[in-house]
């Protein structure tokens, strides 16, 4: 039985875990390739140099979907390490297959809640970038509390970024773009690269299909 107290203590999630259809190949990849590319939930803070076998600039992408954009960025920037976080298991399985097929070794994957991963496994001041592309906009007013970009989450990201590290967001929902801009404008410890109250131009290295969207690119500061 669920009590009112249980409901009050239950964390508000920014996602709904929908398993969807998983192919035999995706399921096989989760079993066979996870030990090579996967980072498990729980445990101590990660040693990223040990996880990747090298020390390199590190970018975390939250919600990579099927992984096509993350795969292209990792291939185009072999000097960087990337961690992709996704709760959708078929998408994780799909990207595992592509990483193995194309011999890309600078990506590790997490199948878990991004907030919990950042809090529990990522050391402070260890990331050079955090990417959040097209998160669920939760358009209904009663669901706005589920949006990932909130003041508390933004400060969590700030703690994990190195000074000068980038937090890059993109959405194709105008109301969510305005929400993001308002949250980041009021967030201490960040500087908007495009100027106060402005959206950013699309970076050349972002490998996504043509899509109209609003973007924010902010950097962590000491303030």
C-alpha atoms as a PDB file:
ATOM      1  CA  UNK A   1       0.000   0.000   0.000  1.00  0.00           C
ATOM      2  CA  UNK A   2       1.284   3.484  -0.900  1.00  0.00           C
ATOM      3  CA  UNK A   3       0.786   6.086   1.818  1.00  0.00           C
ATOM      4  CA  UNK A   4       0.666   9.847   1.475  1.00  0.00           C
ATOM      5  CA  UNK A   5       4.083   9.976   3.157  1.00  0.00           C
ATOM      6  CA  UNK A   6       5.510   7.596   0.530  1.00  0.00           C
ATOM      7  CA  UNK A   7       4.163   9.833  -2.234  1.00  0.00           C
ATOM      8  CA  UNK A   8       5.687  12.877  -0.615  1.00  0.00           C
ATOM      9  CA  UNK A   9       9.131  11.253  -0.306  1.00  0.00           C
ATOM     10  CA  UNK A  10       9.171   9.755  -3.792  1.00  0.00           C
ATOM     11  CA  UNK A  11      11.572  11.748  -6.012  1.00  0.00           C
ATOM     12  CA  UNK A  12      10.106  13.596  -8.983  1.00  0.00           C
ATOM     13  CA  UNK A  13      11.479  12.041 -12.161  1.00  0.00           C
ATOM     14  CA  UNK A  14      12.128  13.969 -15.358  1.00  0.00           C
ATOM     15  CA  UNK A  15      11.459  10.842 -17.414  1.00  0.00           C
ATOM     16  CA  UNK A  16       9.108   7.906 -17.747  1.00  0.00           C
ATOM     17  CA  UNK A  17      10.905   4.625 -18.279  1.00  0.00           C
ATOM     18  CA  UNK A  18       9.283   3.024 -21.346  1.00  0.00           C
ATOM     19  CA  UNK A  19      11.040  -0.161 -22.360  1.00  0.00           C
ATOM     20  CA  UNK A  20       9.554  -0.401 -25.837  1.00  0.00           C
ATOM     21  CA  UNK A  21      10.451  -3.114 -28.301  1.00  0.00           C
ATOM     22  CA  UNK A  22      14.006  -4.428 -28.063  1.00  0.00           C
ATOM     23  CA  UNK A  23      15.533  -6.391 -30.935  1.00  0.00           C
ATOM     24  CA  UNK A  24      17.472  -9.593 -30.433  1.00  0.00           C
ATOM     25  CA  UNK A  25      20.637  -7.774 -31.519  1.00  0.00           C
ATOM     26  CA  UNK A  26      20.097  -4.951 -29.020  1.00  0.00           C
ATOM     27  CA  UNK A  27      19.491  -7.432 -26.206  1.00  0.00           C
ATOM     28  CA  UNK A  28      22.623  -9.353 -27.181  1.00  0.00           C
ATOM     29  CA  UNK A  29      24.641  -6.123 -27.188  1.00  0.00           C
ATOM     30  CA  UNK A  30      23.461  -5.270 -23.665  1.00  0.00           C
ATOM     31  CA  UNK A  31      24.672  -8.662 -22.478  1.00  0.00           C
ATOM     32  CA  UNK A  32      27.895  -9.015 -24.427  1.00  0.00           C
ATOM     33  CA  UNK A  33      29.127  -5.438 -24.877  1.00  0.00           C
ATOM     34  CA  UNK A  34      28.124  -3.844 -21.584  1.00  0.00           C
ATOM     35  CA  UNK A  35      31.275  -5.060 -19.767  1.00  0.00           C
ATOM     36  CA  UNK A  36      33.343  -3.248 -22.418  1.00  0.00           C
ATOM     37  CA  UNK A  37      31.443   0.037 -22.713  1.00  0.00           C
ATOM     38  CA  UNK A  38      29.116   0.211 -19.712  1.00  0.00           C
ATOM     39  CA  UNK A  39      29.449   1.981 -16.368  1.00  0.00           C
ATOM     40  CA  UNK A  40      27.284   0.393 -13.689  1.00  0.00           C
ATOM     41  CA  UNK A  41      25.031   2.272 -11.285  1.00  0.00           C
ATOM     42  CA  UNK A  42      25.924   2.641  -7.648  1.00  0.00           C
ATOM     43  CA  UNK A  43      29.327   2.252  -6.083  1.00  0.00           C
ATOM     44  CA  UNK A  44      32.044   4.791  -5.390  1.00  0.00           C
ATOM     45  CA  UNK A  45      33.008   7.868  -7.364  1.00  0.00           C
ATOM     46  CA  UNK A  46      34.431   6.899 -10.727  1.00  0.00           C
ATOM     47  CA  UNK A  47      38.068   7.153 -11.731  1.00  0.00           C
ATOM     48  CA  UNK A  48      37.605   8.265 -15.330  1.00  0.00           C
ATOM     49  CA  UNK A  49      41.237   7.741 -16.295  1.00  0.00           C
ATOM     50  CA  UNK A  50      40.808   4.104 -15.270  1.00  0.00           C
ATOM     51  CA  UNK A  51      37.391   3.809 -16.967  1.00  0.00           C
ATOM     52  CA  UNK A  52      38.777   4.999 -20.324  1.00  0.00           C
ATOM     53  CA  UNK A  53      42.365   3.887 -19.989  1.00  0.00           C
ATOM     54  CA  UNK A  54      43.557   7.458 -20.476  1.00  0.00           C
ATOM     55  CA  UNK A  55      43.190  10.973 -19.103  1.00  0.00           C
ATOM     56  CA  UNK A  56      41.337  13.256 -21.559  1.00  0.00           C
ATOM     57  CA  UNK A  57      38.701  16.029 -21.554  1.00  0.00           C
ATOM     58  CA  UNK A  58      35.370  14.501 -20.575  1.00  0.00           C
ATOM     59  CA  UNK A  59      31.859  15.354 -21.817  1.00  0.00           C
ATOM     60  CA  UNK A  60      28.625  13.846 -20.464  1.00  0.00           C
ATOM     61  CA  UNK A  61      25.565  13.724 -22.715  1.00  0.00           C
ATOM     62  CA  UNK A  62      22.225  13.254 -20.948  1.00  0.00           C
ATOM     63  CA  UNK A  63      19.503  11.466 -22.895  1.00  0.00           C
ATOM     64  CA  UNK A  64      21.255  10.333 -26.087  1.00  0.00           C
ATOM     65  CA  UNK A  65      18.257   8.489 -27.572  1.00  0.00           C
ATOM     66  CA  UNK A  66      19.572   6.006 -30.153  1.00  0.00           C
ATOM     67  CA  UNK A  67      23.014   7.563 -29.940  1.00  0.00           C
ATOM     68  CA  UNK A  68      23.553   8.764 -33.505  1.00  0.00           C
ATOM     69  CA  UNK A  69      24.571  12.288 -32.467  1.00  0.00           C
ATOM     70  CA  UNK A  70      26.819  11.080 -29.662  1.00  0.00           C
ATOM     71  CA  UNK A  71      28.443   8.516 -31.944  1.00  0.00           C
ATOM     72  CA  UNK A  72      29.212  11.154 -34.589  1.00  0.00           C
ATOM     73  CA  UNK A  73      30.643  13.601 -32.041  1.00  0.00           C
ATOM     74  CA  UNK A  74      32.858  10.936 -30.475  1.00  0.00           C
ATOM     75  CA  UNK A  75      34.155   9.899 -33.904  1.00  0.00           C
ATOM     76  CA  UNK A  76      34.831  13.527 -34.870  1.00  0.00           C
ATOM     77  CA  UNK A  77      36.574  14.353 -31.569  1.00  0.00           C
ATOM     78  CA  UNK A  78      38.785  11.371 -30.677  1.00  0.00           C
ATOM     79  CA  UNK A  79      40.818  13.573 -28.331  1.00  0.00           C
ATOM     80  CA  UNK A  80      37.849  13.697 -25.930  1.00  0.00           C
ATOM     81  CA  UNK A  81      36.130  11.095 -23.781  1.00  0.00           C
ATOM     82  CA  UNK A  82      32.324  10.912 -23.766  1.00  0.00           C
ATOM     83  CA  UNK A  83      29.814   9.388 -21.358  1.00  0.00           C
ATOM     84  CA  UNK A  84      26.259   8.933 -22.598  1.00  0.00           C
ATOM     85  CA  UNK A  85      23.433   8.597 -20.082  1.00  0.00           C
ATOM     86  CA  UNK A  86      20.125   7.098 -21.236  1.00  0.00           C
ATOM     87  CA  UNK A  87      17.290   5.235 -19.461  1.00  0.00           C
ATOM     88  CA  UNK A  88      15.835   3.726 -22.670  1.00  0.00           C
ATOM     89  CA  UNK A  89      17.419   0.267 -22.895  1.00  0.00           C
ATOM     90  CA  UNK A  90      16.782  -0.322 -26.624  1.00  0.00           C
ATOM     91  CA  UNK A  91      18.637   2.922 -27.356  1.00  0.00           C
ATOM     92  CA  UNK A  92      21.525   1.841 -25.155  1.00  0.00           C
ATOM     93  CA  UNK A  93      21.657  -1.523 -26.912  1.00  0.00           C
ATOM     94  CA  UNK A  94      21.620   0.185 -30.319  1.00  0.00           C
ATOM     95  CA  UNK A  95      24.526   2.467 -29.466  1.00  0.00           C
ATOM     96  CA  UNK A  96      26.515  -0.418 -27.994  1.00  0.00           C
ATOM     97  CA  UNK A  97      26.235  -2.204 -31.341  1.00  0.00           C
ATOM     98  CA  UNK A  98      27.337   0.871 -33.285  1.00  0.00           C
ATOM     99  CA  UNK A  99      30.321   1.540 -31.012  1.00  0.00           C
ATOM    100  CA  UNK A 100      31.567  -2.014 -31.502  1.00  0.00           C
ATOM    101  CA  UNK A 101      30.909  -2.059 -35.258  1.00  0.00           C
ATOM    102  CA  UNK A 102      32.766   1.210 -35.861  1.00  0.00           C
ATOM    103  CA  UNK A 103      35.584   0.613 -33.402  1.00  0.00           C
ATOM    104  CA  UNK A 104      34.954   3.759 -31.362  1.00  0.00           C
ATOM    105  CA  UNK A 105      36.615   3.481 -27.976  1.00  0.00           C
ATOM    106  CA  UNK A 106      36.176   6.928 -26.404  1.00  0.00           C
ATOM    107  CA  UNK A 107      32.564   6.418 -25.264  1.00  0.00           C
ATOM    108  CA  UNK A 108      31.155   4.831 -22.113  1.00  0.00           C
ATOM    109  CA  UNK A 109      27.448   4.383 -21.406  1.00  0.00           C
ATOM    110  CA  UNK A 110      25.227   4.644 -18.339  1.00  0.00           C
ATOM    111  CA  UNK A 111      21.673   3.263 -18.219  1.00  0.00           C
ATOM    112  CA  UNK A 112      20.310   5.157 -15.240  1.00  0.00           C
ATOM    113  CA  UNK A 113      18.825   8.402 -13.946  1.00  0.00           C
ATOM    114  CA  UNK A 114      21.235  11.192 -14.908  1.00  0.00           C
ATOM    115  CA  UNK A 115      20.766  13.064 -11.637  1.00  0.00           C
ATOM    116  CA  UNK A 116      21.622  10.002  -9.574  1.00  0.00           C
ATOM    117  CA  UNK A 117      24.625   9.261 -11.775  1.00  0.00           C
ATOM    118  CA  UNK A 118      25.979  12.789 -11.391  1.00  0.00           C
ATOM    119  CA  UNK A 119      25.382  12.826  -7.650  1.00  0.00           C
ATOM    120  CA  UNK A 120      26.715   9.371  -6.841  1.00  0.00           C
ATOM    121  CA  UNK A 121      29.424   8.559  -9.388  1.00  0.00           C
ATOM    122  CA  UNK A 122      30.852  11.786 -10.816  1.00  0.00           C
ATOM    123  CA  UNK A 123      33.487  13.634  -8.760  1.00  0.00           C
ATOM    124  CA  UNK A 124      33.101  17.385  -8.396  1.00  0.00           C
ATOM    125  CA  UNK A 125      34.980  19.570 -10.905  1.00  0.00           C
ATOM    126  CA  UNK A 126      35.719  16.593 -13.168  1.00  0.00           C
ATOM    127  CA  UNK A 127      33.717  17.377 -16.340  1.00  0.00           C
ATOM    128  CA  UNK A 128      34.637  19.605 -19.256  1.00  0.00           C
ATOM    129  CA  UNK A 129      31.120  19.582 -20.646  1.00  0.00           C
ATOM    130  CA  UNK A 130      27.521  18.494 -20.052  1.00  0.00           C
ATOM    131  CA  UNK A 131      25.130  18.221 -23.017  1.00  0.00           C
ATOM    132  CA  UNK A 132      21.351  18.111 -22.759  1.00  0.00           C
ATOM    133  CA  UNK A 133      19.744  17.933 -26.192  1.00  0.00           C
ATOM    134  CA  UNK A 134      15.961  17.865 -26.596  1.00  0.00           C
ATOM    135  CA  UNK A 135      14.933  16.701 -23.122  1.00  0.00           C
ATOM    136  CA  UNK A 136      11.284  15.905 -22.494  1.00  0.00           C
ATOM    137  CA  UNK A 137       9.578  19.347 -22.414  1.00  0.00           C
ATOM    138  CA  UNK A 138       6.685  18.208 -20.212  1.00  0.00           C
ATOM    139  CA  UNK A 139       4.430  20.811 -21.884  1.00  0.00           C
ATOM    140  CA  UNK A 140       1.440  20.603 -19.547  1.00  0.00           C
ATOM    141  CA  UNK A 141       1.618  23.147 -16.733  1.00  0.00           C
ATOM    142  CA  UNK A 142       0.982  20.523 -14.048  1.00  0.00           C
ATOM    143  CA  UNK A 143       4.042  18.605 -15.286  1.00  0.00           C
ATOM    144  CA  UNK A 144       6.510  21.514 -15.409  1.00  0.00           C
ATOM    145  CA  UNK A 145       7.982  20.357 -12.093  1.00  0.00           C
ATOM    146  CA  UNK A 146       9.232  17.273 -13.968  1.00  0.00           C
ATOM    147  CA  UNK A 147      11.414  19.301 -16.325  1.00  0.00           C
ATOM    148  CA  UNK A 148      15.049  18.427 -15.826  1.00  0.00           C
ATOM    149  CA  UNK A 149      16.309  22.001 -16.090  1.00  0.00           C
ATOM    150  CA  UNK A 150      15.540  23.342 -12.639  1.00  0.00           C
ATOM    151  CA  UNK A 151      17.649  25.407 -10.256  1.00  0.00           C
ATOM    152  CA  UNK A 152      18.657  22.417  -8.127  1.00  0.00           C
ATOM    153  CA  UNK A 153      19.768  20.358 -11.125  1.00  0.00           C
ATOM    154  CA  UNK A 154      21.668  23.289 -12.634  1.00  0.00           C
ATOM    155  CA  UNK A 155      23.685  23.690  -9.447  1.00  0.00           C
ATOM    156  CA  UNK A 156      24.424  19.955  -9.469  1.00  0.00           C
ATOM    157  CA  UNK A 157      25.819  20.368 -12.993  1.00  0.00           C
ATOM    158  CA  UNK A 158      27.828  23.377 -11.853  1.00  0.00           C
ATOM    159  CA  UNK A 159      29.497  21.344  -9.102  1.00  0.00           C
ATOM    160  CA  UNK A 160      30.513  18.634 -11.546  1.00  0.00           C
ATOM    161  CA  UNK A 161      31.949  21.012 -14.175  1.00  0.00           C
ATOM    162  CA  UNK A 162      35.471  22.298 -14.096  1.00  0.00           C
ATOM    163  CA  UNK A 163      35.849  26.083 -14.071  1.00  0.00           C
ATOM    164  CA  UNK A 164      35.170  27.089 -17.673  1.00  0.00           C
ATOM    165  CA  UNK A 165      33.346  23.833 -18.431  1.00  0.00           C
ATOM    166  CA  UNK A 166      30.332  24.111 -20.751  1.00  0.00           C
ATOM    167  CA  UNK A 167      26.681  23.263 -20.148  1.00  0.00           C
ATOM    168  CA  UNK A 168      25.040  23.026 -23.571  1.00  0.00           C
ATOM    169  CA  UNK A 169      21.247  22.720 -23.850  1.00  0.00           C
ATOM    170  CA  UNK A 170      18.926  22.538 -26.846  1.00  0.00           C
ATOM    171  CA  UNK A 171      15.147  22.285 -27.211  1.00  0.00           C
ATOM    172  CA  UNK A 172      12.617  22.705 -30.001  1.00  0.00           C
ATOM    173  CA  UNK A 173       9.840  23.731 -27.588  1.00  0.00           C
ATOM    174  CA  UNK A 174       9.715  27.519 -27.327  1.00  0.00           C
ATOM    175  CA  UNK A 175       8.193  27.549 -23.845  1.00  0.00           C
ATOM    176  CA  UNK A 176      10.874  25.195 -22.563  1.00  0.00           C
ATOM    177  CA  UNK A 177      13.550  27.346 -24.205  1.00  0.00           C
ATOM    178  CA  UNK A 178      12.192  30.358 -22.318  1.00  0.00           C
ATOM    179  CA  UNK A 179      12.141  28.298 -19.121  1.00  0.00           C
ATOM    180  CA  UNK A 180      15.770  27.226 -19.661  1.00  0.00           C
ATOM    181  CA  UNK A 181      16.853  30.794 -20.303  1.00  0.00           C
ATOM    182  CA  UNK A 182      15.085  32.051 -17.177  1.00  0.00           C
ATOM    183  CA  UNK A 183      16.611  29.333 -14.984  1.00  0.00           C
ATOM    184  CA  UNK A 184      20.128  29.884 -16.330  1.00  0.00           C
ATOM    185  CA  UNK A 185      19.844  33.686 -16.125  1.00  0.00           C
ATOM    186  CA  UNK A 186      19.149  33.341 -12.410  1.00  0.00           C
ATOM    187  CA  UNK A 187      21.741  30.603 -11.778  1.00  0.00           C
ATOM    188  CA  UNK A 188      24.900  31.694  -9.946  1.00  0.00           C
ATOM    189  CA  UNK A 189      28.172  30.356 -11.259  1.00  0.00           C
ATOM    190  CA  UNK A 190      27.404  30.426 -14.994  1.00  0.00           C
ATOM    191  CA  UNK A 191      28.127  32.853 -17.823  1.00  0.00           C
ATOM    192  CA  UNK A 192      26.026  32.867 -21.000  1.00  0.00           C
ATOM    193  CA  UNK A 193      28.428  32.708 -23.970  1.00  0.00           C
ATOM    194  CA  UNK A 194      25.916  34.444 -26.242  1.00  0.00           C
ATOM    195  CA  UNK A 195      25.329  37.310 -23.827  1.00  0.00           C
ATOM    196  CA  UNK A 196      22.711  37.943 -21.167  1.00  0.00           C
ATOM    197  CA  UNK A 197      19.241  36.847 -22.240  1.00  0.00           C
ATOM    198  CA  UNK A 198      20.446  35.450 -25.582  1.00  0.00           C
ATOM    199  CA  UNK A 199      20.306  32.019 -27.211  1.00  0.00           C
ATOM    200  CA  UNK A 200      23.428  30.478 -28.702  1.00  0.00           C
ATOM    201  CA  UNK A 201      24.166  29.685 -32.333  1.00  0.00           C
ATOM    202  CA  UNK A 202      24.394  26.024 -33.224  1.00  0.00           C
ATOM    203  CA  UNK A 203      27.995  24.779 -32.772  1.00  0.00           C
ATOM    204  CA  UNK A 204      29.558  23.227 -35.858  1.00  0.00           C
ATOM    205  CA  UNK A 205      30.582  20.058 -34.030  1.00  0.00           C
ATOM    206  CA  UNK A 206      27.042  19.121 -33.079  1.00  0.00           C
ATOM    207  CA  UNK A 207      26.139  16.252 -35.416  1.00  0.00           C
ATOM    208  CA  UNK A 208      22.373  16.306 -35.577  1.00  0.00           C
ATOM    209  CA  UNK A 209      20.005  16.486 -38.512  1.00  0.00           C
ATOM    210  CA  UNK A 210      18.543  19.819 -39.555  1.00  0.00           C
ATOM    211  CA  UNK A 211      16.216  20.907 -36.790  1.00  0.00           C
ATOM    212  CA  UNK A 212      14.902  24.283 -35.693  1.00  0.00           C
ATOM    213  CA  UNK A 213      15.703  24.743 -32.039  1.00  0.00           C
ATOM    214  CA  UNK A 214      16.800  27.168 -29.347  1.00  0.00           C
ATOM    215  CA  UNK A 215      20.168  26.568 -27.719  1.00  0.00           C
ATOM    216  CA  UNK A 216      21.975  27.785 -24.624  1.00  0.00           C
ATOM    217  CA  UNK A 217      25.717  27.472 -24.108  1.00  0.00           C
ATOM    218  CA  UNK A 218      26.894  28.540 -20.670  1.00  0.00           C
ATOM    219  CA  UNK A 219      30.218  28.190 -18.868  1.00  0.00           C
ATOM    220  CA  UNK A 220      30.915  27.528 -15.216  1.00  0.00           C
ATOM    221  CA  UNK A 221      32.617  30.347 -13.313  1.00  0.00           C
ATOM    222  CA  UNK A 222      33.880  30.860  -9.793  1.00  0.00           C
ATOM    223  CA  UNK A 223      31.075  33.291  -8.936  1.00  0.00           C
END
